[in-house]
Amino acid sequence: MAPKLSESVERLRAAGNQSFRNGQFAEAAALYSRALRVMQEQGSSDPKEESVLYSNRAACHLKDGNCRDCIKDCTLALALVPFSMKSLLRRASAYEALEKYPLAYVDYKVVLQIDDSVTSALEGVNRMTRALMDSLGPEWRLKLPSIPLVPVSAQKRWGSENHKETAGGSHKRLRPCPKHAPDRASAAFELHQTHLTVVHLN
């Protein structure tokens, strides 16, 4: 059983969520960063909560078009809680905006192993397939990184949560990523509140 979170961490996360809903993404990211610092200073050990905070901060970066920091935070979140659909979708979107199509394809495919009905992942795979065929040719599949196999336990864990809420949002442009300015994102997904509770932003 996870230890009870510090009240200040809970307050900071809640304040960050409110700032995010208000469209104040830089302020929200700062609040999530403060919550992470409090956890570290107090020596708190709650991988799920820490993962949520990194993933929430990644959503802020994605909204602001900061693809590289979004990828970094999603990767940290996934190291703590592997196969989180929210983190995978956000990272895939950031990879796609940076034209890192093989990596985006892999993340979208992993999401579909967890839940093959996630529309944003299905649409992402279709977009990436077309882009990879154009850029790498007919043997593009041979040039992809390996796609991790999602354990059945992870599929069940995330699948049971997904009965209650949507895993991802529609893929819509926010601040398109210019070809030679790869720190601007093209899509965003909804925000965690606690673990897989989301705020629908679309």
C-alpha atoms as a PDB file:
ATOM      1  CA  MET A   1       0.000   0.000   0.000  1.00  0.00           C
ATOM      2  CA  ALA A   2       1.404   3.387  -1.009  1.00  0.00           C
ATOM      3  CA  PRO A   3       2.214   5.776   1.838  1.00  0.00           C
ATOM      4  CA  LYS A   4      -0.122   8.714   2.402  1.00  0.00           C
ATOM      5  CA  LEU A   5       1.013  11.672   0.369  1.00  0.00           C
ATOM      6  CA  SER A   6       2.116  14.875   1.983  1.00  0.00           C
ATOM      7  CA  GLU A   7      -0.794  17.298   2.089  1.00  0.00           C
ATOM      8  CA  SER A   8       1.389  19.941   0.470  1.00  0.00           C
ATOM      9  CA  VAL A   9       2.057  17.654  -2.511  1.00  0.00           C
ATOM     10  CA  GLU A  10      -1.671  17.073  -2.905  1.00  0.00           C
ATOM     11  CA  ARG A  11      -2.353  20.816  -2.722  1.00  0.00           C
ATOM     12  CA  LEU A  12       0.349  21.590  -5.270  1.00  0.00           C
ATOM     13  CA  ARG A  13      -0.937  18.944  -7.661  1.00  0.00           C
ATOM     14  CA  ALA A  14      -4.509  20.198  -7.300  1.00  0.00           C
ATOM     15  CA  ALA A  15      -3.358  23.776  -7.889  1.00  0.00           C
ATOM     16  CA  GLY A  16      -1.410  22.642 -10.930  1.00  0.00           C
ATOM     17  CA  ASN A  17      -4.481  20.886 -12.317  1.00  0.00           C
ATOM     18  CA  GLN A  18      -6.539  24.049 -11.862  1.00  0.00           C
ATOM     19  CA  SER A  19      -3.910  26.181 -13.592  1.00  0.00           C
ATOM     20  CA  PHE A  20      -3.829  23.676 -16.453  1.00  0.00           C
ATOM     21  CA  ARG A  21      -7.607  23.841 -16.843  1.00  0.00           C
ATOM     22  CA  ASN A  22      -7.309  27.635 -16.916  1.00  0.00           C
ATOM     23  CA  GLY A  23      -4.803  27.445 -19.759  1.00  0.00           C
ATOM     24  CA  GLN A  24      -1.904  28.615 -17.574  1.00  0.00           C
ATOM     25  CA  PHE A  25       0.477  25.873 -18.666  1.00  0.00           C
ATOM     26  CA  ALA A  26       3.762  27.411 -17.508  1.00  0.00           C
ATOM     27  CA  GLU A  27       2.290  28.050 -14.057  1.00  0.00           C
ATOM     28  CA  ALA A  28       0.925  24.500 -13.908  1.00  0.00           C
ATOM     29  CA  ALA A  29       4.317  23.066 -14.856  1.00  0.00           C
ATOM     30  CA  ALA A  30       5.967  25.109 -12.097  1.00  0.00           C
ATOM     31  CA  LEU A  31       3.475  23.771  -9.545  1.00  0.00           C
ATOM     32  CA  TYR A  32       4.093  20.165 -10.591  1.00  0.00           C
ATOM     33  CA  SER A  33       7.839  20.815 -10.349  1.00  0.00           C
ATOM     34  CA  ARG A  34       7.381  22.137  -6.802  1.00  0.00           C
ATOM     35  CA  ALA A  35       5.369  19.048  -5.873  1.00  0.00           C
ATOM     36  CA  LEU A  36       8.154  16.823  -7.206  1.00  0.00           C
ATOM     37  CA  ARG A  37      10.733  18.770  -5.195  1.00  0.00           C
ATOM     38  CA  VAL A  38       8.654  18.393  -2.023  1.00  0.00           C
ATOM     39  CA  MET A  39       8.448  14.636  -2.561  1.00  0.00           C
ATOM     40  CA  GLN A  40      12.204  14.422  -3.067  1.00  0.00           C
ATOM     41  CA  GLU A  41      13.005  16.627  -0.061  1.00  0.00           C
ATOM     42  CA  GLN A  42      10.727  14.562   2.173  1.00  0.00           C
ATOM     43  CA  GLY A  43      12.048  11.274   0.832  1.00  0.00           C
ATOM     44  CA  SER A  44       8.534  10.237  -0.179  1.00  0.00           C
ATOM     45  CA  SER A  45       8.292   6.983  -2.100  1.00  0.00           C
ATOM     46  CA  ASP A  46       5.176   6.816  -4.250  1.00  0.00           C
ATOM     47  CA  PRO A  47       6.120   5.903  -7.838  1.00  0.00           C
ATOM     48  CA  LYS A  48       2.554   6.260  -9.100  1.00  0.00           C
ATOM     49  CA  GLU A  49       2.139   9.791  -7.789  1.00  0.00           C
ATOM     50  CA  GLU A  50       5.596  10.807  -8.982  1.00  0.00           C
ATOM     51  CA  SER A  51       4.807   9.358 -12.407  1.00  0.00           C
ATOM     52  CA  VAL A  52       1.547  11.320 -12.552  1.00  0.00           C
ATOM     53  CA  LEU A  53       3.359  14.555 -11.722  1.00  0.00           C
ATOM     54  CA  TYR A  54       5.933  13.992 -14.470  1.00  0.00           C
ATOM     55  CA  SER A  55       3.187  13.089 -16.931  1.00  0.00           C
ATOM     56  CA  ASN A  56       1.145  16.158 -15.977  1.00  0.00           C
ATOM     57  CA  ARG A  57       4.182  18.354 -16.457  1.00  0.00           C
ATOM     58  CA  ALA A  58       4.749  16.701 -19.816  1.00  0.00           C
ATOM     59  CA  ALA A  59       1.194  17.689 -20.805  1.00  0.00           C
ATOM     60  CA  CYS A  60       2.072  21.302 -19.980  1.00  0.00           C
ATOM     61  CA  HIS A  61       5.198  21.118 -22.138  1.00  0.00           C
ATOM     62  CA  LEU A  62       3.185  19.628 -24.987  1.00  0.00           C
ATOM     63  CA  LYS A  63       0.573  22.369 -24.773  1.00  0.00           C
ATOM     64  CA  ASP A  64       3.340  24.985 -24.867  1.00  0.00           C
ATOM     65  CA  GLY A  65       5.044  23.301 -27.833  1.00  0.00           C
ATOM     66  CA  ASN A  66       8.091  22.163 -25.863  1.00  0.00           C
ATOM     67  CA  CYS A  67       8.412  18.700 -27.402  1.00  0.00           C
ATOM     68  CA  ARG A  68      11.828  17.818 -26.026  1.00  0.00           C
ATOM     69  CA  ASP A  69      10.918  18.411 -22.386  1.00  0.00           C
ATOM     70  CA  CYS A  70       7.619  16.601 -22.948  1.00  0.00           C
ATOM     71  CA  ILE A  71       9.536  13.526 -24.146  1.00  0.00           C
ATOM     72  CA  LYS A  72      11.929  13.758 -21.211  1.00  0.00           C
ATOM     73  CA  ASP A  73       9.144  13.925 -18.623  1.00  0.00           C
ATOM     74  CA  CYS A  74       7.109  11.164 -20.274  1.00  0.00           C
ATOM     75  CA  THR A  75      10.179   8.932 -20.248  1.00  0.00           C
ATOM     76  CA  LEU A  76      10.682   9.629 -16.530  1.00  0.00           C
ATOM     77  CA  ALA A  77       7.016   8.868 -15.876  1.00  0.00           C
ATOM     78  CA  LEU A  78       7.218   5.596 -17.811  1.00  0.00           C
ATOM     79  CA  ALA A  79      10.333   4.540 -15.925  1.00  0.00           C
ATOM     80  CA  LEU A  80       8.293   4.787 -12.719  1.00  0.00           C
ATOM     81  CA  VAL A  81       5.056   3.270 -14.062  1.00  0.00           C
ATOM     82  CA  PRO A  82       5.654   1.384 -17.317  1.00  0.00           C
ATOM     83  CA  PHE A  83       3.006   1.296 -20.041  1.00  0.00           C
ATOM     84  CA  SER A  84       1.017   4.306 -18.861  1.00  0.00           C
ATOM     85  CA  MET A  85      -1.205   5.164 -21.814  1.00  0.00           C
ATOM     86  CA  LYS A  86      -1.283   8.885 -21.083  1.00  0.00           C
ATOM     87  CA  SER A  87       2.507   9.146 -21.025  1.00  0.00           C
ATOM     88  CA  LEU A  88       2.860   6.996 -24.139  1.00  0.00           C
ATOM     89  CA  LEU A  89       0.335   9.082 -26.069  1.00  0.00           C
ATOM     90  CA  ARG A  90       1.933  12.367 -25.065  1.00  0.00           C
ATOM     91  CA  ARG A  91       5.397  11.124 -25.948  1.00  0.00           C
ATOM     92  CA  ALA A  92       4.164   9.757 -29.277  1.00  0.00           C
ATOM     93  CA  SER A  93       2.630  13.122 -30.089  1.00  0.00           C
ATOM     94  CA  ALA A  94       5.871  14.912 -29.243  1.00  0.00           C
ATOM     95  CA  TYR A  95       7.928  12.465 -31.304  1.00  0.00           C
ATOM     96  CA  GLU A  96       5.557  12.974 -34.210  1.00  0.00           C
ATOM     97  CA  ALA A  97       5.829  16.761 -33.962  1.00  0.00           C
ATOM     98  CA  LEU A  98       9.637  16.411 -34.091  1.00  0.00           C
ATOM     99  CA  GLU A  99       9.282  14.113 -37.120  1.00  0.00           C
ATOM    100  CA  LYS A 100      10.743  11.178 -35.187  1.00  0.00           C
ATOM    101  CA  TYR A 101       8.236   8.923 -36.883  1.00  0.00           C
ATOM    102  CA  PRO A 102       9.711   5.497 -35.996  1.00  0.00           C
ATOM    103  CA  LEU A 103       9.643   6.331 -32.279  1.00  0.00           C
ATOM    104  CA  ALA A 104       6.136   7.781 -32.510  1.00  0.00           C
ATOM    105  CA  TYR A 105       4.976   4.629 -34.331  1.00  0.00           C
ATOM    106  CA  VAL A 106       6.380   2.412 -31.567  1.00  0.00           C
ATOM    107  CA  ASP A 107       4.615   4.351 -28.791  1.00  0.00           C
ATOM    108  CA  TYR A 108       1.298   4.351 -30.649  1.00  0.00           C
ATOM    109  CA  LYS A 109       1.610   0.603 -31.223  1.00  0.00           C
ATOM    110  CA  VAL A 110       2.332  -0.028 -27.540  1.00  0.00           C
ATOM    111  CA  VAL A 111      -0.840   1.872 -26.610  1.00  0.00           C
ATOM    112  CA  LEU A 112      -2.830  -0.337 -28.967  1.00  0.00           C
ATOM    113  CA  GLN A 113      -1.502  -3.435 -27.214  1.00  0.00           C
ATOM    114  CA  ILE A 114      -3.042  -2.073 -24.023  1.00  0.00           C
ATOM    115  CA  ASP A 115      -6.308  -0.944 -25.598  1.00  0.00           C
ATOM    116  CA  ASP A 116      -6.881  -1.428 -29.323  1.00  0.00           C
ATOM    117  CA  SER A 117      -9.842   0.972 -29.316  1.00  0.00           C
ATOM    118  CA  VAL A 118      -7.911   4.168 -28.498  1.00  0.00           C
ATOM    119  CA  THR A 119      -8.780   6.374 -31.461  1.00  0.00           C
ATOM    120  CA  SER A 120      -5.807   8.728 -31.161  1.00  0.00           C
ATOM    121  CA  ALA A 121      -3.402   5.768 -31.256  1.00  0.00           C
ATOM    122  CA  LEU A 122      -5.171   4.162 -34.236  1.00  0.00           C
ATOM    123  CA  GLU A 123      -5.049   7.437 -36.129  1.00  0.00           C
ATOM    124  CA  GLY A 124      -1.422   7.943 -35.095  1.00  0.00           C
ATOM    125  CA  VAL A 125      -0.385   4.527 -36.416  1.00  0.00           C
ATOM    126  CA  ASN A 126      -2.067   5.306 -39.735  1.00  0.00           C
ATOM    127  CA  ARG A 127      -0.294   8.662 -40.028  1.00  0.00           C
ATOM    128  CA  MET A 128       3.054   7.172 -39.068  1.00  0.00           C
ATOM    129  CA  THR A 129       2.645   4.274 -41.510  1.00  0.00           C
ATOM    130  CA  ARG A 130       2.137   6.709 -44.387  1.00  0.00           C
ATOM    131  CA  ALA A 131       5.036   8.906 -43.272  1.00  0.00           C
ATOM    132  CA  LEU A 132       7.384   5.931 -42.835  1.00  0.00           C
ATOM    133  CA  MET A 133       6.488   4.452 -46.208  1.00  0.00           C
ATOM    134  CA  ASP A 134       7.265   7.806 -47.819  1.00  0.00           C
ATOM    135  CA  SER A 135      10.543   8.314 -45.971  1.00  0.00           C
ATOM    136  CA  LEU A 136      11.927   4.772 -45.637  1.00  0.00           C
ATOM    137  CA  GLY A 137      10.372   2.921 -48.550  1.00  0.00           C
ATOM    138  CA  PRO A 138       8.501  -0.398 -48.779  1.00  0.00           C
ATOM    139  CA  GLU A 139      10.785  -2.138 -46.271  1.00  0.00           C
ATOM    140  CA  TRP A 140      10.200   0.473 -43.592  1.00  0.00           C
ATOM    141  CA  ARG A 141       9.106  -2.090 -41.006  1.00  0.00           C
ATOM    142  CA  LEU A 142      12.576  -3.643 -41.043  1.00  0.00           C
ATOM    143  CA  LYS A 143      14.087  -0.308 -40.026  1.00  0.00           C
ATOM    144  CA  LEU A 144      11.961   0.282 -36.915  1.00  0.00           C
ATOM    145  CA  PRO A 145      13.090  -0.042 -33.292  1.00  0.00           C
ATOM    146  CA  SER A 146      11.709  -3.115 -31.549  1.00  0.00           C
ATOM    147  CA  ILE A 147       8.197  -2.715 -30.143  1.00  0.00           C
ATOM    148  CA  PRO A 148       8.009  -3.681 -26.446  1.00  0.00           C
ATOM    149  CA  LEU A 149       5.592  -6.445 -25.581  1.00  0.00           C
ATOM    150  CA  VAL A 150       3.081  -5.273 -22.989  1.00  0.00           C
ATOM    151  CA  PRO A 151       2.674  -7.860 -20.189  1.00  0.00           C
ATOM    152  CA  VAL A 152      -0.821  -9.207 -19.631  1.00  0.00           C
ATOM    153  CA  SER A 153      -0.733  -7.784 -16.089  1.00  0.00           C
ATOM    154  CA  ALA A 154      -0.202  -4.275 -17.457  1.00  0.00           C
ATOM    155  CA  GLN A 155      -2.952  -4.730 -20.032  1.00  0.00           C
ATOM    156  CA  LYS A 156      -5.378  -5.726 -17.288  1.00  0.00           C
ATOM    157  CA  ARG A 157      -4.280  -2.900 -15.000  1.00  0.00           C
ATOM    158  CA  TRP A 158      -4.719  -0.131 -17.544  1.00  0.00           C
ATOM    159  CA  GLY A 159      -7.691  -1.817 -19.168  1.00  0.00           C
ATOM    160  CA  SER A 160      -9.673  -1.824 -15.927  1.00  0.00           C
ATOM    161  CA  GLU A 161      -8.960   1.875 -15.435  1.00  0.00           C
ATOM    162  CA  ASN A 162      -9.933   2.634 -19.026  1.00  0.00           C
ATOM    163  CA  HIS A 163     -13.466   1.342 -18.437  1.00  0.00           C
ATOM    164  CA  LYS A 164     -13.970   4.475 -16.340  1.00  0.00           C
ATOM    165  CA  GLU A 165     -12.289   7.078 -18.506  1.00  0.00           C
ATOM    166  CA  THR A 166     -10.952   7.911 -21.935  1.00  0.00           C
ATOM    167  CA  ALA A 167      -7.285   7.159 -22.587  1.00  0.00           C
ATOM    168  CA  GLY A 168      -6.537   9.939 -25.026  1.00  0.00           C
ATOM    169  CA  GLY A 169      -7.962  12.923 -26.793  1.00  0.00           C
ATOM    170  CA  SER A 170      -8.432  13.691 -30.426  1.00  0.00           C
ATOM    171  CA  HIS A 171      -5.316  14.614 -32.356  1.00  0.00           C
ATOM    172  CA  LYS A 172      -5.632  18.320 -32.991  1.00  0.00           C
ATOM    173  CA  ARG A 173      -3.124  20.983 -33.788  1.00  0.00           C
ATOM    174  CA  LEU A 174      -2.202  23.485 -31.135  1.00  0.00           C
ATOM    175  CA  ARG A 175       1.079  25.053 -32.154  1.00  0.00           C
ATOM    176  CA  PRO A 176       2.400  23.261 -35.250  1.00  0.00           C
ATOM    177  CA  CYS A 177       6.033  22.276 -35.137  1.00  0.00           C
ATOM    178  CA  PRO A 178       7.975  24.056 -37.920  1.00  0.00           C
ATOM    179  CA  LYS A 179      10.449  21.781 -39.688  1.00  0.00           C
ATOM    180  CA  HIS A 180      13.498  23.607 -38.407  1.00  0.00           C
ATOM    181  CA  ALA A 181      12.170  24.539 -34.978  1.00  0.00           C
ATOM    182  CA  PRO A 182      11.553  21.146 -33.390  1.00  0.00           C
ATOM    183  CA  ASP A 183      10.425  22.348 -29.982  1.00  0.00           C
ATOM    184  CA  ARG A 184       6.826  23.043 -30.918  1.00  0.00           C
ATOM    185  CA  ALA A 185       4.102  20.457 -30.556  1.00  0.00           C
ATOM    186  CA  SER A 186       1.188  19.620 -32.826  1.00  0.00           C
ATOM    187  CA  ALA A 187      -1.175  17.878 -30.412  1.00  0.00           C
ATOM    188  CA  ALA A 188      -2.116  17.495 -26.761  1.00  0.00           C
ATOM    189  CA  PHE A 189      -3.953  15.043 -24.602  1.00  0.00           C
ATOM    190  CA  GLU A 190      -5.949  15.396 -21.436  1.00  0.00           C
ATOM    191  CA  LEU A 191      -4.477  15.751 -17.992  1.00  0.00           C
ATOM    192  CA  HIS A 192      -4.064  13.274 -15.154  1.00  0.00           C
ATOM    193  CA  GLN A 193      -5.521  14.341 -11.835  1.00  0.00           C
ATOM    194  CA  THR A 194      -4.656  11.267  -9.804  1.00  0.00           C
ATOM    195  CA  HIS A 195      -3.200   8.268 -11.597  1.00  0.00           C
ATOM    196  CA  LEU A 196      -5.624   7.858 -14.540  1.00  0.00           C
ATOM    197  CA  THR A 197      -8.307  10.367 -13.660  1.00  0.00           C
ATOM    198  CA  VAL A 198      -8.431  12.872 -16.464  1.00  0.00           C
ATOM    199  CA  VAL A 199      -9.686  16.336 -17.279  1.00  0.00           C
ATOM    200  CA  HIS A 200     -11.125  16.391 -20.790  1.00  0.00           C
ATOM    201  CA  LEU A 201      -9.521  19.345 -22.541  1.00  0.00           C
ATOM    202  CA  ASN A 202     -10.728  18.794 -26.093  1.00  0.00           C
END
